[in-house]
Amino acid sequence: MNSSRSAQRAVIQFLCTEKEHASQIYRRMKEVYGEHCHARRTIFRWCQRYEAGRVNIKALPCPGQAHVVTNSSTILVVDELIRQNRWITTREIAVELSMSKGALHHIIHKKLGYGKVCAQWVPKHLSKNQKMARMGVCLTQQFLH
């Protein structure tokens, strides 16, 4: 039995179209979905929306939710700021770009792969050139000892 929210909203929409009363819809859905059923108030609210003419069963984004700022241009700007000043803080970048620290943290750590070492931003993963240079240093030190 598919008890997802959108499946239940589709059932509510269908039964509202059939002119079923909201309390009857709740009783019927409670029998079918059991403890996974929407709350009574939620079913009444969705019935009101469908009676008012709503056709979409997906929930609309809330007006207070954050906007998506992790686009490619923002990521490039953050990367450029970090490359210019490796000691810059996330607070300074967030203030300069007018974005939340949480979104900035996601960009820096997940998208760009940076981490802080001794108060300086460094890449978590080395590039091929950096790996080759590091191997050369290790081999040179091995022969010196």
N, C-alpha and C. Protein backbone atom coordinates (compact mmCIF):
# COMPACT_ATOMS: atom_id res chain seq x y z
N MET A 1 0.85 -1.19 0.00
CA MET A 1 0.00 0.00 0.00
C MET A 1 0.89 1.24 0.00
N ASN A 2 0.72 2.10 -0.97
CA ASN A 2 1.48 3.34 -1.07
C ASN A 2 0.86 4.39 -0.15
N SER A 3 1.56 4.71 0.93
CA SER A 3 1.01 5.67 1.89
C SER A 3 1.75 6.99 1.85
N SER A 4 2.38 7.31 0.70
CA SER A 4 3.10 8.57 0.60
C SER A 4 2.12 9.74 0.66
N ARG A 5 2.65 10.89 0.99
CA ARG A 5 1.82 12.09 1.13
C ARG A 5 1.10 12.43 -0.18
N SER A 6 1.85 12.35 -1.28
CA SER A 6 1.21 12.71 -2.56
C SER A 6 0.13 11.70 -2.95
N ALA A 7 0.32 10.42 -2.62
CA ALA A 7 -0.71 9.43 -2.92
C ALA A 7 -1.97 9.71 -2.10
N GLN A 8 -1.79 10.07 -0.84
CA GLN A 8 -2.95 10.40 0.00
C GLN A 8 -3.65 11.67 -0.49
N ARG A 9 -2.86 12.64 -0.95
CA ARG A 9 -3.49 13.86 -1.48
C ARG A 9 -4.28 13.56 -2.73
N ALA A 10 -3.80 12.63 -3.56
CA ALA A 10 -4.54 12.24 -4.76
C ALA A 10 -5.87 11.61 -4.38
N VAL A 11 -5.87 10.78 -3.32
CA VAL A 11 -7.12 10.17 -2.85
C VAL A 11 -8.07 11.25 -2.34
N ILE A 12 -7.52 12.21 -1.57
CA ILE A 12 -8.35 13.31 -1.05
C ILE A 12 -8.95 14.09 -2.20
N GLN A 13 -8.13 14.38 -3.21
CA GLN A 13 -8.62 15.13 -4.36
C GLN A 13 -9.73 14.37 -5.08
N PHE A 14 -9.55 13.08 -5.27
CA PHE A 14 -10.56 12.27 -5.95
C PHE A 14 -11.86 12.26 -5.17
N LEU A 15 -11.78 12.01 -3.86
CA LEU A 15 -13.00 11.93 -3.05
C LEU A 15 -13.68 13.30 -2.92
N CYS A 16 -12.90 14.37 -2.91
CA CYS A 16 -13.52 15.72 -2.89
C CYS A 16 -14.26 15.99 -4.19
N THR A 17 -13.68 15.52 -5.29
CA THR A 17 -14.35 15.68 -6.59
C THR A 17 -15.64 14.89 -6.62
N GLU A 18 -15.69 13.78 -5.91
CA GLU A 18 -16.90 12.94 -5.80
C GLU A 18 -17.90 13.53 -4.80
N LYS A 19 -17.60 14.71 -4.27
CA LYS A 19 -18.46 15.43 -3.32
C LYS A 19 -18.58 14.70 -1.97
N GLU A 20 -17.53 13.99 -1.60
CA GLU A 20 -17.49 13.30 -0.30
C GLU A 20 -17.16 14.34 0.78
N HIS A 21 -17.76 14.25 1.94
CA HIS A 21 -17.51 15.20 3.03
C HIS A 21 -16.15 14.89 3.65
N ALA A 22 -15.47 15.91 4.14
CA ALA A 22 -14.11 15.77 4.67
C ALA A 22 -14.04 14.78 5.84
N SER A 23 -15.04 14.78 6.72
CA SER A 23 -15.00 13.85 7.85
C SER A 23 -15.13 12.41 7.37
N GLN A 24 -15.92 12.17 6.33
CA GLN A 24 -16.05 10.83 5.76
C GLN A 24 -14.75 10.41 5.07
N ILE A 25 -14.11 11.36 4.40
CA ILE A 25 -12.82 11.07 3.75
C ILE A 25 -11.81 10.66 4.81
N TYR A 26 -11.80 11.38 5.95
CA TYR A 26 -10.87 11.04 7.02
C TYR A 26 -11.12 9.63 7.54
N ARG A 27 -12.38 9.29 7.78
CA ARG A 27 -12.70 7.95 8.29
C ARG A 27 -12.26 6.86 7.32
N ARG A 28 -12.53 7.06 6.05
CA ARG A 28 -12.17 6.06 5.05
C ARG A 28 -10.65 5.91 4.93
N MET A 29 -9.94 7.03 4.95
CA MET A 29 -8.49 6.99 4.82
C MET A 29 -7.84 6.39 6.07
N LYS A 30 -8.43 6.64 7.23
CA LYS A 30 -7.92 6.08 8.47
C LYS A 30 -8.02 4.55 8.45
N GLU A 31 -9.09 4.04 7.85
CA GLU A 31 -9.25 2.59 7.73
C GLU A 31 -8.19 1.99 6.80
N VAL A 32 -7.90 2.69 5.72
CA VAL A 32 -6.97 2.16 4.72
C VAL A 32 -5.51 2.35 5.14
N TYR A 33 -5.14 3.57 5.54
CA TYR A 33 -3.75 3.90 5.81
C TYR A 33 -3.34 3.69 7.27
N GLY A 34 -4.29 3.59 8.17
CA GLY A 34 -3.98 3.35 9.58
C GLY A 34 -3.18 4.49 10.19
N GLU A 35 -2.08 4.14 10.84
CA GLU A 35 -1.28 5.16 11.53
C GLU A 35 -0.50 6.05 10.57
N HIS A 36 -0.41 5.67 9.30
CA HIS A 36 0.30 6.49 8.31
C HIS A 36 -0.62 7.51 7.64
N CYS A 37 -1.84 7.58 8.09
CA CYS A 37 -2.83 8.50 7.51
C CYS A 37 -2.52 9.93 7.92
N HIS A 38 -2.85 10.88 7.02
CA HIS A 38 -2.74 12.30 7.36
C HIS A 38 -3.59 12.60 8.59
N ALA A 39 -3.25 13.66 9.29
CA ALA A 39 -4.05 14.10 10.43
C ALA A 39 -5.39 14.61 9.93
N ARG A 40 -6.37 14.60 10.80
CA ARG A 40 -7.74 15.03 10.44
C ARG A 40 -7.72 16.46 9.91
N ARG A 41 -7.00 17.33 10.60
CA ARG A 41 -6.94 18.74 10.21
C ARG A 41 -6.30 18.90 8.83
N THR A 42 -5.29 18.09 8.56
CA THR A 42 -4.62 18.16 7.26
C THR A 42 -5.57 17.76 6.14
N ILE A 43 -6.36 16.72 6.36
CA ILE A 43 -7.33 16.29 5.35
C ILE A 43 -8.38 17.37 5.13
N PHE A 44 -8.86 18.01 6.19
CA PHE A 44 -9.83 19.10 6.05
C PHE A 44 -9.22 20.26 5.27
N ARG A 45 -7.96 20.58 5.56
CA ARG A 45 -7.29 21.69 4.87
C ARG A 45 -7.16 21.40 3.38
N TRP A 46 -6.76 20.15 3.02
CA TRP A 46 -6.64 19.81 1.62
C TRP A 46 -7.99 19.78 0.93
N CYS A 47 -9.03 19.36 1.62
CA CYS A 47 -10.38 19.39 1.04
C CYS A 47 -10.79 20.83 0.72
N GLN A 48 -10.49 21.75 1.62
CA GLN A 48 -10.81 23.16 1.37
C GLN A 48 -10.07 23.66 0.14
N ARG A 49 -8.82 23.29 0.01
CA ARG A 49 -8.03 23.74 -1.15
C ARG A 49 -8.60 23.19 -2.45
N TYR A 50 -8.97 21.92 -2.47
CA TYR A 50 -9.52 21.33 -3.69
C TYR A 50 -10.89 21.90 -4.02
N GLU A 51 -11.70 22.18 -2.99
CA GLU A 51 -13.01 22.79 -3.23
C GLU A 51 -12.87 24.22 -3.74
N ALA A 52 -11.76 24.87 -3.39
CA ALA A 52 -11.52 26.24 -3.85
C ALA A 52 -10.97 26.27 -5.28
N GLY A 53 -10.69 25.07 -5.85
CA GLY A 53 -10.27 25.04 -7.24
C GLY A 53 -8.83 24.60 -7.47
N ARG A 54 -8.14 24.23 -6.45
CA ARG A 54 -6.77 23.78 -6.62
C ARG A 54 -6.75 22.44 -7.35
N VAL A 55 -5.78 22.27 -8.26
CA VAL A 55 -5.69 21.04 -9.03
C VAL A 55 -4.38 20.29 -8.78
N ASN A 56 -3.37 20.95 -8.25
CA ASN A 56 -2.06 20.34 -8.02
C ASN A 56 -2.05 19.62 -6.68
N ILE A 57 -1.53 18.38 -6.65
CA ILE A 57 -1.49 17.64 -5.39
C ILE A 57 -0.18 17.87 -4.64
N LYS A 58 0.79 18.51 -5.27
CA LYS A 58 2.07 18.76 -4.60
C LYS A 58 1.97 20.00 -3.72
N ALA A 59 2.67 19.96 -2.61
CA ALA A 59 2.69 21.10 -1.71
C ALA A 59 3.54 22.21 -2.32
N LEU A 60 3.10 23.44 -2.18
CA LEU A 60 3.85 24.58 -2.69
C LEU A 60 4.92 24.96 -1.68
N PRO A 61 6.04 25.55 -2.13
CA PRO A 61 7.08 25.95 -1.18
C PRO A 61 6.57 27.04 -0.24
N CYS A 62 6.99 26.97 0.99
CA CYS A 62 6.60 27.97 1.97
C CYS A 62 7.30 29.29 1.67
N PRO A 63 6.67 30.43 1.95
CA PRO A 63 7.28 31.71 1.61
C PRO A 63 8.54 32.00 2.40
N GLY A 64 8.74 31.39 3.56
CA GLY A 64 9.90 31.66 4.38
C GLY A 64 11.10 30.79 4.07
N GLN A 65 10.99 29.87 3.12
CA GLN A 65 12.11 28.99 2.83
C GLN A 65 13.21 29.74 2.09
N ALA A 66 14.43 29.28 2.31
CA ALA A 66 15.60 29.91 1.69
C ALA A 66 15.59 29.68 0.19
N HIS A 67 16.15 30.63 -0.52
CA HIS A 67 16.29 30.51 -1.97
C HIS A 67 17.53 29.70 -2.28
N VAL A 68 17.54 29.09 -3.41
CA VAL A 68 18.69 28.29 -3.81
C VAL A 68 19.81 29.23 -4.23
N VAL A 69 20.94 29.16 -3.54
CA VAL A 69 22.07 30.02 -3.88
C VAL A 69 23.28 29.22 -4.30
N THR A 70 23.15 27.91 -4.35
CA THR A 70 24.29 27.09 -4.73
C THR A 70 24.31 26.86 -6.23
N ASN A 71 24.36 27.93 -6.99
CA ASN A 71 24.47 27.79 -8.43
C ASN A 71 25.94 27.95 -8.83
N SER A 72 26.24 27.71 -10.09
CA SER A 72 27.64 27.69 -10.54
C SER A 72 28.33 29.04 -10.39
N SER A 73 27.61 30.13 -10.59
CA SER A 73 28.25 31.45 -10.47
C SER A 73 28.61 31.75 -9.02
N THR A 74 27.75 31.37 -8.08
CA THR A 74 28.05 31.58 -6.67
C THR A 74 29.24 30.72 -6.24
N ILE A 75 29.27 29.49 -6.72
CA ILE A 75 30.38 28.59 -6.38
C ILE A 75 31.70 29.15 -6.89
N LEU A 76 31.70 29.69 -8.10
CA LEU A 76 32.92 30.29 -8.66
C LEU A 76 33.37 31.50 -7.86
N VAL A 77 32.42 32.33 -7.42
CA VAL A 77 32.77 33.51 -6.64
C VAL A 77 33.37 33.10 -5.30
N VAL A 78 32.78 32.11 -4.64
CA VAL A 78 33.31 31.63 -3.36
C VAL A 78 34.71 31.06 -3.56
N ASP A 79 34.91 30.28 -4.61
CA ASP A 79 36.22 29.70 -4.89
C ASP A 79 37.26 30.80 -5.12
N GLU A 80 36.87 31.82 -5.84
CA GLU A 80 37.80 32.93 -6.12
C GLU A 80 38.16 33.68 -4.83
N LEU A 81 37.18 33.90 -3.95
CA LEU A 81 37.46 34.57 -2.68
C LEU A 81 38.42 33.75 -1.83
N ILE A 82 38.24 32.45 -1.81
CA ILE A 82 39.12 31.59 -1.01
C ILE A 82 40.52 31.55 -1.61
N ARG A 83 40.63 31.52 -2.94
CA ARG A 83 41.95 31.50 -3.57
C ARG A 83 42.69 32.82 -3.36
N GLN A 84 41.96 33.93 -3.29
CA GLN A 84 42.60 35.23 -3.06
C GLN A 84 43.11 35.35 -1.63
N ASN A 85 42.36 34.81 -0.67
CA ASN A 85 42.73 34.92 0.74
C ASN A 85 42.41 33.60 1.42
N ARG A 86 43.42 32.77 1.61
CA ARG A 86 43.22 31.45 2.21
C ARG A 86 42.81 31.52 3.68
N TRP A 87 42.98 32.67 4.33
CA TRP A 87 42.64 32.82 5.75
C TRP A 87 41.29 33.48 5.97
N ILE A 88 40.53 33.66 4.91
CA ILE A 88 39.21 34.29 5.03
C ILE A 88 38.27 33.36 5.80
N THR A 89 37.39 33.93 6.59
CA THR A 89 36.46 33.12 7.38
C THR A 89 35.13 32.96 6.65
N THR A 90 34.38 31.95 7.06
CA THR A 90 33.07 31.75 6.44
C THR A 90 32.15 32.92 6.74
N ARG A 91 32.29 33.52 7.91
CA ARG A 91 31.46 34.68 8.26
C ARG A 91 31.73 35.84 7.31
N GLU A 92 33.01 36.09 7.01
CA GLU A 92 33.36 37.18 6.10
C GLU A 92 32.80 36.94 4.69
N ILE A 93 32.90 35.70 4.23
CA ILE A 93 32.36 35.38 2.90
C ILE A 93 30.84 35.50 2.90
N ALA A 94 30.19 35.01 3.96
CA ALA A 94 28.73 35.08 4.03
C ALA A 94 28.25 36.51 4.04
N VAL A 95 28.94 37.39 4.76
CA VAL A 95 28.54 38.80 4.79
C VAL A 95 28.77 39.44 3.43
N GLU A 96 29.89 39.14 2.81
CA GLU A 96 30.21 39.75 1.51
C GLU A 96 29.23 39.33 0.42
N LEU A 97 28.79 38.05 0.45
CA LEU A 97 27.89 37.55 -0.59
C LEU A 97 26.43 37.57 -0.18
N SER A 98 26.14 38.02 1.05
CA SER A 98 24.76 38.08 1.57
C SER A 98 24.07 36.73 1.47
N MET A 99 24.69 35.72 2.07
CA MET A 99 24.10 34.39 2.07
C MET A 99 24.27 33.77 3.45
N SER A 100 23.52 32.70 3.71
CA SER A 100 23.57 32.07 5.02
C SER A 100 24.87 31.28 5.17
N LYS A 101 25.28 31.12 6.43
CA LYS A 101 26.50 30.36 6.69
C LYS A 101 26.30 28.88 6.37
N GLY A 102 25.08 28.38 6.53
CA GLY A 102 24.80 26.98 6.21
C GLY A 102 24.97 26.69 4.73
N ALA A 103 24.42 27.57 3.89
CA ALA A 103 24.57 27.39 2.43
C ALA A 103 26.03 27.53 2.02
N LEU A 104 26.72 28.47 2.64
CA LEU A 104 28.14 28.68 2.35
C LEU A 104 28.95 27.47 2.78
N HIS A 105 28.64 26.91 3.92
CA HIS A 105 29.32 25.70 4.41
C HIS A 105 29.15 24.57 3.41
N HIS A 106 27.94 24.42 2.87
CA HIS A 106 27.67 23.38 1.87
C HIS A 106 28.53 23.60 0.62
N ILE A 107 28.61 24.84 0.16
CA ILE A 107 29.40 25.14 -1.03
C ILE A 107 30.87 24.84 -0.79
N ILE A 108 31.41 25.32 0.33
CA ILE A 108 32.84 25.18 0.60
C ILE A 108 33.24 23.72 0.80
N HIS A 109 32.48 22.99 1.61
CA HIS A 109 32.90 21.64 1.97
C HIS A 109 32.43 20.58 0.98
N LYS A 110 31.21 20.69 0.48
CA LYS A 110 30.67 19.65 -0.40
C LYS A 110 30.96 19.91 -1.87
N LYS A 111 30.76 21.15 -2.33
CA LYS A 111 30.93 21.46 -3.75
C LYS A 111 32.39 21.69 -4.12
N LEU A 112 33.12 22.49 -3.29
CA LEU A 112 34.50 22.82 -3.62
C LEU A 112 35.50 21.87 -2.99
N GLY A 113 35.13 21.18 -1.92
CA GLY A 113 36.03 20.22 -1.29
C GLY A 113 37.15 20.84 -0.49
N TYR A 114 36.91 21.98 0.14
CA TYR A 114 37.92 22.61 0.98
C TYR A 114 37.73 22.20 2.44
N GLY A 115 38.81 22.27 3.18
CA GLY A 115 38.78 22.07 4.62
C GLY A 115 39.74 23.05 5.26
N LYS A 116 39.58 23.29 6.56
CA LYS A 116 40.45 24.23 7.27
C LYS A 116 41.59 23.47 7.93
N VAL A 117 42.82 23.91 7.69
CA VAL A 117 44.00 23.38 8.36
C VAL A 117 44.81 24.58 8.83
N CYS A 118 45.00 24.67 10.12
CA CYS A 118 45.76 25.80 10.71
C CYS A 118 45.19 27.14 10.24
N ALA A 119 43.88 27.29 10.30
CA ALA A 119 43.15 28.52 9.94
C ALA A 119 43.31 28.89 8.47
N GLN A 120 43.68 27.95 7.64
CA GLN A 120 43.86 28.21 6.22
C GLN A 120 43.06 27.20 5.42
N TRP A 121 42.34 27.67 4.37
CA TRP A 121 41.57 26.77 3.53
C TRP A 121 42.51 26.00 2.61
N VAL A 122 42.37 24.66 2.60
CA VAL A 122 43.16 23.83 1.72
C VAL A 122 42.23 22.82 1.06
N PRO A 123 42.56 22.38 -0.16
CA PRO A 123 41.73 21.36 -0.80
C PRO A 123 41.83 20.04 -0.05
N LYS A 124 40.70 19.34 0.09
CA LYS A 124 40.71 18.04 0.76
C LYS A 124 41.36 16.99 -0.11
N HIS A 125 41.23 17.12 -1.41
CA HIS A 125 41.78 16.15 -2.34
C HIS A 125 42.79 16.86 -3.23
N LEU A 126 43.94 16.25 -3.39
CA LEU A 126 44.99 16.85 -4.20
C LEU A 126 44.73 16.62 -5.69
N SER A 127 45.15 17.58 -6.50
CA SER A 127 45.05 17.41 -7.96
C SER A 127 46.19 16.50 -8.41
N LYS A 128 46.18 16.10 -9.67
CA LYS A 128 47.24 15.21 -10.19
C LYS A 128 48.61 15.88 -10.10
N ASN A 129 48.68 17.18 -10.42
CA ASN A 129 49.96 17.90 -10.34
C ASN A 129 50.46 17.96 -8.90
N GLN A 130 49.55 18.19 -7.96
CA GLN A 130 49.95 18.26 -6.56
C GLN A 130 50.43 16.89 -6.08
N LYS A 131 49.79 15.81 -6.52
CA LYS A 131 50.22 14.46 -6.14
C LYS A 131 51.61 14.15 -6.68
N MET A 132 51.86 14.53 -7.95
CA MET A 132 53.17 14.28 -8.55
C MET A 132 54.27 15.07 -7.83
N ALA A 133 53.99 16.32 -7.50
CA ALA A 133 54.96 17.14 -6.78
C ALA A 133 55.25 16.55 -5.40
N ARG A 134 54.23 16.06 -4.75
CA ARG A 134 54.39 15.47 -3.43
C ARG A 134 55.21 14.17 -3.51
N MET A 135 54.98 13.38 -4.55
CA MET A 135 55.76 12.15 -4.73
C MET A 135 57.23 12.48 -4.97
N GLY A 136 57.48 13.53 -5.73
CA GLY A 136 58.86 13.95 -5.99
C GLY A 136 59.57 14.37 -4.71
N VAL A 137 58.86 15.09 -3.84
CA VAL A 137 59.44 15.51 -2.57
C VAL A 137 59.73 14.30 -1.70
N CYS A 138 58.82 13.34 -1.65
CA CYS A 138 59.00 12.13 -0.84
C CYS A 138 60.19 11.32 -1.33
N LEU A 139 60.31 11.16 -2.65
CA LEU A 139 61.42 10.39 -3.20
C LEU A 139 62.75 11.08 -2.94
N THR A 140 62.79 12.38 -3.03
CA THR A 140 64.01 13.14 -2.79
C THR A 140 64.43 12.99 -1.33
N GLN A 141 63.48 13.09 -0.41
CA GLN A 141 63.80 12.97 1.01
C GLN A 141 64.27 11.57 1.35
N GLN A 142 63.74 10.56 0.65
CA GLN A 142 64.11 9.19 0.91
C GLN A 142 65.60 8.95 0.59
N PHE A 143 66.07 9.56 -0.49
CA PHE A 143 67.47 9.38 -0.88
C PHE A 143 68.42 10.23 -0.06
N LEU A 144 67.90 11.28 0.58
CA LEU A 144 68.75 12.13 1.41
C LEU A 144 69.08 11.49 2.75
N HIS A 145 68.24 10.58 3.19
CA HIS A 145 68.46 9.97 4.52
C HIS A 145 69.25 8.74 4.45
